[in-house]
Amino acid sequence: MPEPPDDEDMRMTGEEHEQWHRKHRKQSGPEHDALIRTMGITEEEHEVWHQLHGTAMDRGEKGLRRRVDPREVGNAFLEYCIKKKWLVREGRGHNAKYYPTAEGQDALGKFGLDL
């Protein structure tokens, strides 16, 4: 992991932050968190920084975003559809089967699903 900037109190201005990121490779979330701890930045300071300067996601920086597990997204969407009464579940776990209701066929069609 790259060393933090040599700053007396380990704090950076916005320009120093941008220079540091231009000079060093993108970091994963855990690497970023470790660097923040190494620099002695509190969670409150970190949150304020990102409120003022945006987050990696705001800037579209893939390297600093948390990766999404598509199965979690899919499972959450299935649960949402069941609550909306767009789908009916038969069974549980890996053996579960999902069937669209009449309302669900129309609603899910808006998501590009041809059921």
PDB file of N, CA and C in Angstrom:
ATOM      1  N   MET A   1       0.846  -1.169   0.000  1.00  0.00           N
ATOM      2  CA  MET A   1       0.000   0.000   0.000  1.00  0.00           C
ATOM      3  C   MET A   1       0.893   1.234   0.000  1.00  0.00           C
ATOM      4  N   PRO A   2       0.557   2.272  -0.782  1.00  0.00           N
ATOM      5  CA  PRO A   2       1.369   3.487  -0.789  1.00  0.00           C
ATOM      6  C   PRO A   2       1.355   4.154   0.579  1.00  0.00           C
ATOM      7  N   GLU A   3       2.438   4.844   0.869  1.00  0.00           N
ATOM      8  CA  GLU A   3       2.537   5.566   2.132  1.00  0.00           C
ATOM      9  C   GLU A   3       1.664   6.817   2.079  1.00  0.00           C
ATOM     10  N   PRO A   4       1.119   7.234   3.229  1.00  0.00           N
ATOM     11  CA  PRO A   4       0.348   8.474   3.240  1.00  0.00           C
ATOM     12  C   PRO A   4       1.275   9.661   2.990  1.00  0.00           C
ATOM     13  N   PRO A   5       0.720  10.784   2.573  1.00  0.00           N
ATOM     14  CA  PRO A   5       1.557  11.947   2.312  1.00  0.00           C
ATOM     15  C   PRO A   5       2.292  12.406   3.566  1.00  0.00           C
ATOM     16  N   ASP A   6       3.473  12.995   3.377  1.00  0.00           N
ATOM     17  CA  ASP A   6       4.251  13.508   4.504  1.00  0.00           C
ATOM     18  C   ASP A   6       3.702  14.872   4.888  1.00  0.00           C
ATOM     19  N   ASP A   7       2.740  14.882   5.740  1.00  0.00           N
ATOM     20  CA  ASP A   7       2.106  16.107   6.186  1.00  0.00           C
ATOM     21  C   ASP A   7       2.184  16.108   7.704  1.00  0.00           C
ATOM     22  N   GLU A   8       2.539  17.220   8.281  1.00  0.00           N
ATOM     23  CA  GLU A   8       2.816  17.269   9.704  1.00  0.00           C
ATOM     24  C   GLU A   8       1.685  16.698  10.549  1.00  0.00           C
ATOM     25  N   ASP A   9       0.448  17.091  10.259  1.00  0.00           N
ATOM     26  CA  ASP A   9      -0.650  16.560  11.060  1.00  0.00           C
ATOM     27  C   ASP A   9      -1.447  15.509  10.285  1.00  0.00           C
ATOM     28  N   MET A  10      -0.881  15.020   9.168  1.00  0.00           N
ATOM     29  CA  MET A  10      -1.479  13.952   8.379  1.00  0.00           C
ATOM     30  C   MET A  10      -2.833  14.328   7.786  1.00  0.00           C
ATOM     31  N   ARG A  11      -3.093  15.605   7.567  1.00  0.00           N
ATOM     32  CA  ARG A  11      -4.328  16.046   6.941  1.00  0.00           C
ATOM     33  C   ARG A  11      -3.987  16.617   5.572  1.00  0.00           C
ATOM     34  N   MET A  12      -4.909  16.480   4.621  1.00  0.00           N
ATOM     35  CA  MET A  12      -4.668  16.964   3.269  1.00  0.00           C
ATOM     36  C   MET A  12      -5.717  17.984   2.871  1.00  0.00           C
ATOM     37  N   THR A  13      -5.297  18.921   2.062  1.00  0.00           N
ATOM     38  CA  THR A  13      -6.251  19.824   1.430  1.00  0.00           C
ATOM     39  C   THR A  13      -6.880  19.063   0.270  1.00  0.00           C
ATOM     40  N   GLY A  14      -7.921  19.629  -0.319  1.00  0.00           N
ATOM     41  CA  GLY A  14      -8.544  18.996  -1.475  1.00  0.00           C
ATOM     42  C   GLY A  14      -7.549  18.778  -2.601  1.00  0.00           C
ATOM     43  N   GLU A  15      -6.703  19.761  -2.884  1.00  0.00           N
ATOM     44  CA  GLU A  15      -5.723  19.642  -3.971  1.00  0.00           C
ATOM     45  C   GLU A  15      -4.680  18.570  -3.648  1.00  0.00           C
ATOM     46  N   GLU A  16      -4.222  18.519  -2.403  1.00  0.00           N
ATOM     47  CA  GLU A  16      -3.259  17.479  -2.011  1.00  0.00           C
ATOM     48  C   GLU A  16      -3.876  16.089  -2.166  1.00  0.00           C
ATOM     49  N   HIS A  17      -5.142  15.976  -1.817  1.00  0.00           N
ATOM     50  CA  HIS A  17      -5.845  14.708  -1.954  1.00  0.00           C
ATOM     51  C   HIS A  17      -5.887  14.281  -3.421  1.00  0.00           C
ATOM     52  N   GLU A  18      -6.247  15.202  -4.302  1.00  0.00           N
ATOM     53  CA  GLU A  18      -6.306  14.886  -5.728  1.00  0.00           C
ATOM     54  C   GLU A  18      -4.922  14.519  -6.268  1.00  0.00           C
ATOM     55  N   GLN A  19      -3.891  15.263  -5.856  1.00  0.00           N
ATOM     56  CA  GLN A  19      -2.525  14.959  -6.297  1.00  0.00           C
ATOM     57  C   GLN A  19      -2.108  13.569  -5.837  1.00  0.00           C
ATOM     58  N   TRP A  20      -2.433  13.248  -4.598  1.00  0.00           N
ATOM     59  CA  TRP A  20      -2.060  11.947  -4.071  1.00  0.00           C
ATOM     60  C   TRP A  20      -2.712  10.838  -4.885  1.00  0.00           C
ATOM     61  N   HIS A  21      -4.004  10.987  -5.197  1.00  0.00           N
ATOM     62  CA  HIS A  21      -4.712   9.951  -5.951  1.00  0.00           C
ATOM     63  C   HIS A  21      -4.240   9.870  -7.401  1.00  0.00           C
ATOM     64  N   ARG A  22      -3.797  10.988  -7.973  1.00  0.00           N
ATOM     65  CA  ARG A  22      -3.254  10.936  -9.337  1.00  0.00           C
ATOM     66  C   ARG A  22      -1.929  10.179  -9.353  1.00  0.00           C
ATOM     67  N   LYS A  23      -1.154  10.313  -8.286  1.00  0.00           N
ATOM     68  CA  LYS A  23       0.168   9.703  -8.211  1.00  0.00           C
ATOM     69  C   LYS A  23       0.104   8.210  -7.868  1.00  0.00           C
ATOM     70  N   HIS A  24      -0.872   7.789  -7.091  1.00  0.00           N
ATOM     71  CA  HIS A  24      -0.964   6.418  -6.607  1.00  0.00           C
ATOM     72  C   HIS A  24      -2.121   5.683  -7.278  1.00  0.00           C
ATOM     73  N   ARG A  25      -2.012   4.368  -7.283  1.00  0.00           N
ATOM     74  CA  ARG A  25      -3.072   3.555  -7.888  1.00  0.00           C
ATOM     75  C   ARG A  25      -4.352   3.647  -7.052  1.00  0.00           C
ATOM     76  N   LYS A  26      -5.445   3.260  -7.667  1.00  0.00           N
ATOM     77  CA  LYS A  26      -6.724   3.230  -6.962  1.00  0.00           C
ATOM     78  C   LYS A  26      -6.630   2.173  -5.861  1.00  0.00           C
ATOM     79  N   GLN A  27      -7.371   2.390  -4.798  1.00  0.00           N
ATOM     80  CA  GLN A  27      -7.336   1.475  -3.660  1.00  0.00           C
ATOM     81  C   GLN A  27      -8.674   0.769  -3.504  1.00  0.00           C
ATOM     82  N   SER A  28      -8.615  -0.415  -2.955  1.00  0.00           N
ATOM     83  CA  SER A  28      -9.848  -1.121  -2.606  1.00  0.00           C
ATOM     84  C   SER A  28     -10.414  -0.454  -1.350  1.00  0.00           C
ATOM     85  N   GLY A  29     -11.653  -0.773  -1.028  1.00  0.00           N
ATOM     86  CA  GLY A  29     -12.272  -0.234   0.185  1.00  0.00           C
ATOM     87  C   GLY A  29     -11.460  -0.523   1.434  1.00  0.00           C
ATOM     88  N   PRO A  30     -11.023  -1.792   1.649  1.00  0.00           N
ATOM     89  CA  PRO A  30     -10.232  -2.085   2.847  1.00  0.00           C
ATOM     90  C   PRO A  30      -8.893  -1.340   2.868  1.00  0.00           C
ATOM     91  N   GLU A  31      -8.251  -1.188   1.700  1.00  0.00           N
ATOM     92  CA  GLU A  31      -6.985  -0.438   1.649  1.00  0.00           C
ATOM     93  C   GLU A  31      -7.223   1.023   2.016  1.00  0.00           C
ATOM     94  N   HIS A  32      -8.304   1.598   1.498  1.00  0.00           N
ATOM     95  CA  HIS A  32      -8.657   2.986   1.793  1.00  0.00           C
ATOM     96  C   HIS A  32      -8.901   3.151   3.287  1.00  0.00           C
ATOM     97  N   ASP A  33      -9.664   2.233   3.877  1.00  0.00           N
ATOM     98  CA  ASP A  33      -9.955   2.306   5.308  1.00  0.00           C
ATOM     99  C   ASP A  33      -8.681   2.186   6.142  1.00  0.00           C
ATOM    100  N   ALA A  34      -7.765   1.297   5.736  1.00  0.00           N
ATOM    101  CA  ALA A  34      -6.497   1.132   6.460  1.00  0.00           C
ATOM    102  C   ALA A  34      -5.666   2.407   6.388  1.00  0.00           C
ATOM    103  N   LEU A  35      -5.643   3.041   5.225  1.00  0.00           N
ATOM    104  CA  LEU A  35      -4.899   4.287   5.072  1.00  0.00           C
ATOM    105  C   LEU A  35      -5.475   5.383   5.966  1.00  0.00           C
ATOM    106  N   ILE A  36      -6.791   5.478   6.012  1.00  0.00           N
ATOM    107  CA  ILE A  36      -7.445   6.491   6.847  1.00  0.00           C
ATOM    108  C   ILE A  36      -7.070   6.267   8.313  1.00  0.00           C
ATOM    109  N   ARG A  37      -7.085   5.003   8.751  1.00  0.00           N
ATOM    110  CA  ARG A  37      -6.692   4.704  10.140  1.00  0.00           C
ATOM    111  C   ARG A  37      -5.236   5.066  10.382  1.00  0.00           C
ATOM    112  N   THR A  38      -4.348   4.725   9.414  1.00  0.00           N
ATOM    113  CA  THR A  38      -2.924   5.028   9.536  1.00  0.00           C
ATOM    114  C   THR A  38      -2.693   6.526   9.668  1.00  0.00           C
ATOM    115  N   MET A  39      -3.494   7.293   8.940  1.00  0.00           N
ATOM    116  CA  MET A  39      -3.345   8.746   8.953  1.00  0.00           C
ATOM    117  C   MET A  39      -3.925   9.369  10.225  1.00  0.00           C
ATOM    118  N   GLY A  40      -4.645   8.578  11.024  1.00  0.00           N
ATOM    119  CA  GLY A  40      -5.210   9.093  12.263  1.00  0.00           C
ATOM    120  C   GLY A  40      -6.476   9.901  12.058  1.00  0.00           C
ATOM    121  N   ILE A  41      -7.141   9.687  10.954  1.00  0.00           N
ATOM    122  CA  ILE A  41      -8.371  10.423  10.650  1.00  0.00           C
ATOM    123  C   ILE A  41      -9.537   9.711  11.332  1.00  0.00           C
ATOM    124  N   THR A  42     -10.339  10.465  12.055  1.00  0.00           N
ATOM    125  CA  THR A  42     -11.488   9.871  12.735  1.00  0.00           C
ATOM    126  C   THR A  42     -12.593   9.597  11.717  1.00  0.00           C
ATOM    127  N   GLU A  43     -13.547   8.750  12.121  1.00  0.00           N
ATOM    128  CA  GLU A  43     -14.676   8.457  11.231  1.00  0.00           C
ATOM    129  C   GLU A  43     -15.464   9.726  10.931  1.00  0.00           C
ATOM    130  N   GLU A  44     -15.606  10.604  11.935  1.00  0.00           N
ATOM    131  CA  GLU A  44     -16.331  11.864  11.717  1.00  0.00           C
ATOM    132  C   GLU A  44     -15.613  12.728  10.695  1.00  0.00           C
ATOM    133  N   GLU A  45     -14.287  12.852  10.813  1.00  0.00           N
ATOM    134  CA  GLU A  45     -13.514  13.639   9.852  1.00  0.00           C
ATOM    135  C   GLU A  45     -13.628  13.042   8.447  1.00  0.00           C
ATOM    136  N   HIS A  46     -13.579  11.727   8.392  1.00  0.00           N
ATOM    137  CA  HIS A  46     -13.685  11.032   7.123  1.00  0.00           C
ATOM    138  C   HIS A  46     -15.045  11.295   6.476  1.00  0.00           C
ATOM    139  N   GLU A  47     -16.095  11.218   7.272  1.00  0.00           N
ATOM    140  CA  GLU A  47     -17.450  11.466   6.758  1.00  0.00           C
ATOM    141  C   GLU A  47     -17.593  12.903   6.274  1.00  0.00           C
ATOM    142  N   VAL A  48     -17.083  13.854   7.049  1.00  0.00           N
ATOM    143  CA  VAL A  48     -17.149  15.260   6.650  1.00  0.00           C
ATOM    144  C   VAL A  48     -16.374  15.479   5.352  1.00  0.00           C
ATOM    145  N   TRP A  49     -15.203  14.854   5.237  1.00  0.00           N
ATOM    146  CA  TRP A  49     -14.403  14.984   4.015  1.00  0.00           C
ATOM    147  C   TRP A  49     -15.231  14.574   2.800  1.00  0.00           C
ATOM    148  N   HIS A  50     -15.873  13.415   2.901  1.00  0.00           N
ATOM    149  CA  HIS A  50     -16.628  12.918   1.760  1.00  0.00           C
ATOM    150  C   HIS A  50     -17.904  13.718   1.515  1.00  0.00           C
ATOM    151  N   GLN A  51     -18.443  14.334   2.546  1.00  0.00           N
ATOM    152  CA  GLN A  51     -19.588  15.228   2.333  1.00  0.00           C
ATOM    153  C   GLN A  51     -19.156  16.451   1.535  1.00  0.00           C
ATOM    154  N   LEU A  52     -17.959  16.939   1.827  1.00  0.00           N
ATOM    155  CA  LEU A  52     -17.450  18.126   1.144  1.00  0.00           C
ATOM    156  C   LEU A  52     -16.900  17.823  -0.253  1.00  0.00           C
ATOM    157  N   HIS A  53     -16.258  16.670  -0.397  1.00  0.00           N
ATOM    158  CA  HIS A  53     -15.544  16.367  -1.637  1.00  0.00           C
ATOM    159  C   HIS A  53     -16.167  15.237  -2.440  1.00  0.00           C
ATOM    160  N   GLY A  54     -17.243  14.658  -1.970  1.00  0.00           N
ATOM    161  CA  GLY A  54     -17.867  13.551  -2.678  1.00  0.00           C
ATOM    162  C   GLY A  54     -17.221  12.235  -2.311  1.00  0.00           C
ATOM    163  N   THR A  55     -17.796  11.188  -2.832  1.00  0.00           N
ATOM    164  CA  THR A  55     -17.281   9.848  -2.590  1.00  0.00           C
ATOM    165  C   THR A  55     -16.756   9.280  -3.887  1.00  0.00           C
ATOM    166  N   ALA A  56     -16.107   8.160  -3.793  1.00  0.00           N
ATOM    167  CA  ALA A  56     -15.609   7.489  -4.995  1.00  0.00           C
ATOM    168  C   ALA A  56     -16.761   7.191  -5.938  1.00  0.00           C
ATOM    169  N   MET A  57     -17.893   6.802  -5.393  1.00  0.00           N
ATOM    170  CA  MET A  57     -19.037   6.499  -6.247  1.00  0.00           C
ATOM    171  C   MET A  57     -19.508   7.761  -6.961  1.00  0.00           C
ATOM    172  N   ASP A  58     -19.532   8.903  -6.233  1.00  0.00           N
ATOM    173  CA  ASP A  58     -19.927  10.167  -6.862  1.00  0.00           C
ATOM    174  C   ASP A  58     -19.014  10.492  -8.029  1.00  0.00           C
ATOM    175  N   ARG A  59     -17.725  10.191  -7.860  1.00  0.00           N
ATOM    176  CA  ARG A  59     -16.739  10.512  -8.892  1.00  0.00           C
ATOM    177  C   ARG A  59     -16.599   9.388  -9.917  1.00  0.00           C
ATOM    178  N   GLY A  60     -17.310   8.277  -9.689  1.00  0.00           N
ATOM    179  CA  GLY A  60     -17.251   7.165 -10.631  1.00  0.00           C
ATOM    180  C   GLY A  60     -15.966   6.370 -10.561  1.00  0.00           C
ATOM    181  N   GLU A  61     -15.308   6.373  -9.415  1.00  0.00           N
ATOM    182  CA  GLU A  61     -14.052   5.649  -9.261  1.00  0.00           C
ATOM    183  C   GLU A  61     -14.332   4.223  -8.823  1.00  0.00           C
ATOM    184  N   LYS A  62     -14.238   3.302  -9.740  1.00  0.00           N
ATOM    185  CA  LYS A  62     -14.546   1.898  -9.474  1.00  0.00           C
ATOM    186  C   LYS A  62     -13.694   1.328  -8.343  1.00  0.00           C
ATOM    187  N   GLY A  63     -12.444   1.685  -8.282  1.00  0.00           N
ATOM    188  CA  GLY A  63     -11.528   1.081  -7.324  1.00  0.00           C
ATOM    189  C   GLY A  63     -11.872   1.321  -5.869  1.00  0.00           C
ATOM    190  N   LEU A  64     -12.648   2.341  -5.573  1.00  0.00           N
ATOM    191  CA  LEU A  64     -12.953   2.647  -4.176  1.00  0.00           C
ATOM    192  C   LEU A  64     -14.375   2.268  -3.788  1.00  0.00           C
ATOM    193  N   ARG A  65     -15.152   1.756  -4.718  1.00  0.00           N
ATOM    194  CA  ARG A  65     -16.533   1.395  -4.410  1.00  0.00           C
ATOM    195  C   ARG A  65     -16.608  -0.033  -3.886  1.00  0.00           C
ATOM    196  N   ARG A  66     -17.597  -0.284  -3.080  1.00  0.00           N
ATOM    197  CA  ARG A  66     -17.855  -1.635  -2.599  1.00  0.00           C
ATOM    198  C   ARG A  66     -18.450  -2.433  -3.745  1.00  0.00           C
ATOM    199  N   ARG A  67     -17.925  -3.606  -3.961  1.00  0.00           N
ATOM    200  CA  ARG A  67     -18.440  -4.469  -5.013  1.00  0.00           C
ATOM    201  C   ARG A  67     -19.794  -5.024  -4.589  1.00  0.00           C
ATOM    202  N   VAL A  68     -20.708  -5.128  -5.526  1.00  0.00           N
ATOM    203  CA  VAL A  68     -22.050  -5.622  -5.258  1.00  0.00           C
ATOM    204  C   VAL A  68     -22.143  -7.075  -5.693  1.00  0.00           C
ATOM    205  N   ASP A  69     -22.708  -7.891  -4.843  1.00  0.00           N
ATOM    206  CA  ASP A  69     -22.955  -9.286  -5.182  1.00  0.00           C
ATOM    207  C   ASP A  69     -24.290  -9.325  -5.928  1.00  0.00           C
ATOM    208  N   PRO A  70     -24.293  -9.693  -7.209  1.00  0.00           N
ATOM    209  CA  PRO A  70     -25.550  -9.669  -7.969  1.00  0.00           C
ATOM    210  C   PRO A  70     -26.612 -10.603  -7.395  1.00  0.00           C
ATOM    211  N   ARG A  71     -26.196 -11.650  -6.682  1.00  0.00           N
ATOM    212  CA  ARG A  71     -27.188 -12.531  -6.060  1.00  0.00           C
ATOM    213  C   ARG A  71     -27.961 -11.794  -4.975  1.00  0.00           C
ATOM    214  N   GLU A  72     -27.273 -10.912  -4.234  1.00  0.00           N
ATOM    215  CA  GLU A  72     -27.966 -10.124  -3.205  1.00  0.00           C
ATOM    216  C   GLU A  72     -28.986  -9.198  -3.845  1.00  0.00           C
ATOM    217  N   VAL A  73     -28.600  -8.580  -4.956  1.00  0.00           N
ATOM    218  CA  VAL A  73     -29.518  -7.689  -5.660  1.00  0.00           C
ATOM    219  C   VAL A  73     -30.713  -8.489  -6.175  1.00  0.00           C
ATOM    220  N   GLY A  74     -30.421  -9.635  -6.777  1.00  0.00           N
ATOM    221  CA  GLY A  74     -31.496 -10.485  -7.295  1.00  0.00           C
ATOM    222  C   GLY A  74     -32.439 -10.950  -6.201  1.00  0.00           C
ATOM    223  N   ASN A  75     -31.877 -11.393  -5.082  1.00  0.00           N
ATOM    224  CA  ASN A  75     -32.707 -11.856  -3.963  1.00  0.00           C
ATOM    225  C   ASN A  75     -33.569 -10.721  -3.409  1.00  0.00           C
ATOM    226  N   ALA A  76     -32.986  -9.544  -3.279  1.00  0.00           N
ATOM    227  CA  ALA A  76     -33.741  -8.395  -2.777  1.00  0.00           C
ATOM    228  C   ALA A  76     -34.869  -8.037  -3.750  1.00  0.00           C
ATOM    229  N   PHE A  77     -34.586  -8.115  -5.051  1.00  0.00           N
ATOM    230  CA  PHE A  77     -35.614  -7.792  -6.037  1.00  0.00           C
ATOM    231  C   PHE A  77     -36.735  -8.834  -6.007  1.00  0.00           C
ATOM    232  N   LEU A  78     -36.384 -10.104  -5.851  1.00  0.00           N
ATOM    233  CA  LEU A  78     -37.420 -11.138  -5.741  1.00  0.00           C
ATOM    234  C   LEU A  78     -38.323 -10.881  -4.535  1.00  0.00           C
ATOM    235  N   GLU A  79     -37.712 -10.547  -3.387  1.00  0.00           N
ATOM    236  CA  GLU A  79     -38.504 -10.253  -2.187  1.00  0.00           C
ATOM    237  C   GLU A  79     -39.399  -9.040  -2.408  1.00  0.00           C
ATOM    238  N   TYR A  80     -38.865  -8.024  -3.084  1.00  0.00           N
ATOM    239  CA  TYR A  80     -39.648  -6.824  -3.405  1.00  0.00           C
ATOM    240  C   TYR A  80     -40.852  -7.208  -4.261  1.00  0.00           C
ATOM    241  N   CYS A  81     -40.620  -8.044  -5.273  1.00  0.00           N
ATOM    242  CA  CYS A  81     -41.698  -8.458  -6.173  1.00  0.00           C
ATOM    243  C   CYS A  81     -42.760  -9.270  -5.444  1.00  0.00           C
ATOM    244  N   ILE A  82     -42.347 -10.090  -4.492  1.00  0.00           N
ATOM    245  CA  ILE A  82     -43.304 -10.867  -3.702  1.00  0.00           C
ATOM    246  C   ILE A  82     -44.150  -9.925  -2.860  1.00  0.00           C
ATOM    247  N   LYS A  83     -43.524  -8.939  -2.213  1.00  0.00           N
ATOM    248  CA  LYS A  83     -44.271  -7.972  -1.390  1.00  0.00           C
ATOM    249  C   LYS A  83     -45.244  -7.152  -2.228  1.00  0.00           C
ATOM    250  N   LYS A  84     -44.857  -6.848  -3.480  1.00  0.00           N
ATOM    251  CA  LYS A  84     -45.734  -6.092  -4.381  1.00  0.00           C
ATOM    252  C   LYS A  84     -46.819  -6.981  -4.991  1.00  0.00           C
ATOM    253  N   LYS A  85     -46.748  -8.289  -4.683  1.00  0.00           N
ATOM    254  CA  LYS A  85     -47.662  -9.296  -5.225  1.00  0.00           C
ATOM    255  C   LYS A  85     -47.520  -9.427  -6.742  1.00  0.00           C
ATOM    256  N   TRP A  86     -46.294  -9.223  -7.227  1.00  0.00           N
ATOM    257  CA  TRP A  86     -45.989  -9.427  -8.640  1.00  0.00           C
ATOM    258  C   TRP A  86     -45.543 -10.859  -8.890  1.00  0.00           C
ATOM    259  N   LEU A  87     -44.996 -11.495  -7.831  1.00  0.00           N
ATOM    260  CA  LEU A  87     -44.538 -12.881  -7.931  1.00  0.00           C
ATOM    261  C   LEU A  87     -45.094 -13.678  -6.768  1.00  0.00           C
ATOM    262  N   VAL A  88     -45.272 -14.959  -7.004  1.00  0.00           N
ATOM    263  CA  VAL A  88     -45.641 -15.907  -5.957  1.00  0.00           C
ATOM    264  C   VAL A  88     -44.508 -16.926  -5.885  1.00  0.00           C
ATOM    265  N   ARG A  89     -44.044 -17.203  -4.668  1.00  0.00           N
ATOM    266  CA  ARG A  89     -42.951 -18.167  -4.474  1.00  0.00           C
ATOM    267  C   ARG A  89     -43.529 -19.507  -4.062  1.00  0.00           C
ATOM    268  N   GLU A  90     -42.991 -20.531  -4.673  1.00  0.00           N
ATOM    269  CA  GLU A  90     -43.344 -21.893  -4.312  1.00  0.00           C
ATOM    270  C   GLU A  90     -42.056 -22.584  -3.859  1.00  0.00           C
ATOM    271  N   GLY A  91     -42.020 -23.042  -2.623  1.00  0.00           N
ATOM    272  CA  GLY A  91     -40.821 -23.674  -2.089  1.00  0.00           C
ATOM    273  C   GLY A  91     -39.880 -22.659  -1.468  1.00  0.00           C
ATOM    274  N   ARG A  92     -38.741 -23.162  -0.995  1.00  0.00           N
ATOM    275  CA  ARG A  92     -37.752 -22.304  -0.314  1.00  0.00           C
ATOM    276  C   ARG A  92     -36.354 -22.642  -0.790  1.00  0.00           C
ATOM    277  N   GLY A  93     -35.426 -21.741  -0.515  1.00  0.00           N
ATOM    278  CA  GLY A  93     -34.015 -21.979  -0.800  1.00  0.00           C
ATOM    279  C   GLY A  93     -33.740 -22.162  -2.281  1.00  0.00           C
ATOM    280  N   HIS A  94     -32.794 -23.058  -2.575  1.00  0.00           N
ATOM    281  CA  HIS A  94     -32.381 -23.283  -3.958  1.00  0.00           C
ATOM    282  C   HIS A  94     -33.466 -23.945  -4.800  1.00  0.00           C
ATOM    283  N   ASN A  95     -34.444 -24.551  -4.136  1.00  0.00           N
ATOM    284  CA  ASN A  95     -35.523 -25.223  -4.855  1.00  0.00           C
ATOM    285  C   ASN A  95     -36.723 -24.315  -5.103  1.00  0.00           C
ATOM    286  N   ALA A  96     -36.654 -23.071  -4.687  1.00  0.00           N
ATOM    287  CA  ALA A  96     -37.790 -22.153  -4.845  1.00  0.00           C
ATOM    288  C   ALA A  96     -38.069 -21.907  -6.321  1.00  0.00           C
ATOM    289  N   LYS A  97     -39.359 -21.775  -6.610  1.00  0.00           N
ATOM    290  CA  LYS A  97     -39.807 -21.423  -7.958  1.00  0.00           C
ATOM    291  C   LYS A  97     -40.676 -20.180  -7.822  1.00  0.00           C
ATOM    292  N   TYR A  98     -40.593 -19.304  -8.805  1.00  0.00           N
ATOM    293  CA  TYR A  98     -41.327 -18.043  -8.768  1.00  0.00           C
ATOM    294  C   TYR A  98     -42.241 -17.960  -9.978  1.00  0.00           C
ATOM    295  N   TYR A  99     -43.483 -17.545  -9.720  1.00  0.00           N
ATOM    296  CA  TYR A  99     -44.472 -17.434 -10.788  1.00  0.00           C
ATOM    297  C   TYR A  99     -45.051 -16.022 -10.781  1.00  0.00           C
ATOM    298  N   PRO A 100     -45.170 -15.395 -11.951  1.00  0.00           N
ATOM    299  CA  PRO A 100     -45.729 -14.044 -11.984  1.00  0.00           C
ATOM    300  C   PRO A 100     -47.253 -14.067 -11.846  1.00  0.00           C
ATOM    301  N   THR A 101     -47.773 -13.060 -11.170  1.00  0.00           N
ATOM    302  CA  THR A 101     -49.214 -12.857 -11.135  1.00  0.00           C
ATOM    303  C   THR A 101     -49.577 -12.075 -12.393  1.00  0.00           C
ATOM    304  N   ALA A 102     -50.871 -11.910 -12.639  1.00  0.00           N
ATOM    305  CA  ALA A 102     -51.302 -11.132 -13.817  1.00  0.00           C
ATOM    306  C   ALA A 102     -50.748  -9.705 -13.710  1.00  0.00           C
ATOM    307  N   GLU A 103     -50.861  -9.116 -12.525  1.00  0.00           N
ATOM    308  CA  GLU A 103     -50.319  -7.767 -12.309  1.00  0.00           C
ATOM    309  C   GLU A 103     -48.801  -7.763 -12.472  1.00  0.00           C
ATOM    310  N   GLY A 104     -48.161  -8.828 -11.996  1.00  0.00           N
ATOM    311  CA  GLY A 104     -46.713  -8.937 -12.080  1.00  0.00           C
ATOM    312  C   GLY A 104     -46.209  -9.016 -13.503  1.00  0.00           C
ATOM    313  N   GLN A 105     -46.946  -9.694 -14.384  1.00  0.00           N
ATOM    314  CA  GLN A 105     -46.528  -9.772 -15.786  1.00  0.00           C
ATOM    315  C   GLN A 105     -46.430  -8.388 -16.399  1.00  0.00           C
ATOM    316  N   ASP A 106     -47.428  -7.557 -16.119  1.00  0.00           N
ATOM    317  CA  ASP A 106     -47.411  -6.191 -16.657  1.00  0.00           C
ATOM    318  C   ASP A 106     -46.295  -5.368 -16.017  1.00  0.00           C
ATOM    319  N   ALA A 107     -46.206  -5.429 -14.681  1.00  0.00           N
ATOM    320  CA  ALA A 107     -45.219  -4.613 -13.966  1.00  0.00           C
ATOM    321  C   ALA A 107     -43.793  -5.020 -14.332  1.00  0.00           C
ATOM    322  N   LEU A 108     -43.523  -6.301 -14.374  1.00  0.00           N
ATOM    323  CA  LEU A 108     -42.173  -6.770 -14.672  1.00  0.00           C
ATOM    324  C   LEU A 108     -41.813  -6.566 -16.139  1.00  0.00           C
ATOM    325  N   GLY A 109     -42.821  -6.485 -16.981  1.00  0.00           N
ATOM    326  CA  GLY A 109     -42.579  -6.160 -18.391  1.00  0.00           C
ATOM    327  C   GLY A 109     -41.927  -4.797 -18.543  1.00  0.00           C
ATOM    328  N   LYS A 110     -42.204  -3.887 -17.615  1.00  0.00           N
ATOM    329  CA  LYS A 110     -41.603  -2.544 -17.650  1.00  0.00           C
ATOM    330  C   LYS A 110     -40.100  -2.594 -17.346  1.00  0.00           C
ATOM    331  N   PHE A 111     -39.655  -3.698 -16.759  1.00  0.00           N
ATOM    332  CA  PHE A 111     -38.232  -3.893 -16.493  1.00  0.00           C
ATOM    333  C   PHE A 111     -37.553  -4.648 -17.632  1.00  0.00           C
ATOM    334  N   GLY A 112     -38.301  -4.883 -18.700  1.00  0.00           N
ATOM    335  CA  GLY A 112     -37.744  -5.597 -19.839  1.00  0.00           C
ATOM    336  C   GLY A 112     -37.818  -7.101 -19.714  1.00  0.00           C
ATOM    337  N   LEU A 113     -38.607  -7.590 -18.743  1.00  0.00           N
ATOM    338  CA  LEU A 113     -38.752  -9.033 -18.552  1.00  0.00           C
ATOM    339  C   LEU A 113     -39.972  -9.508 -19.336  1.00  0.00           C
ATOM    340  N   ASP A 114     -39.774 -10.438 -20.200  1.00  0.00           N
ATOM    341  CA  ASP A 114     -40.871 -11.009 -20.998  1.00  0.00           C
ATOM    342  C   ASP A 114     -41.295 -12.305 -20.348  1.00  0.00           C
ATOM    343  N   LEU A 115     -42.373 -12.243 -19.557  1.00  0.00           N
ATOM    344  CA  LEU A 115     -42.808 -13.421 -18.789  1.00  0.00           C
ATOM    345  C   LEU A 115     -44.038 -14.046 -19.412  1.00  0.00           C
TER     346      LEU A 115
END
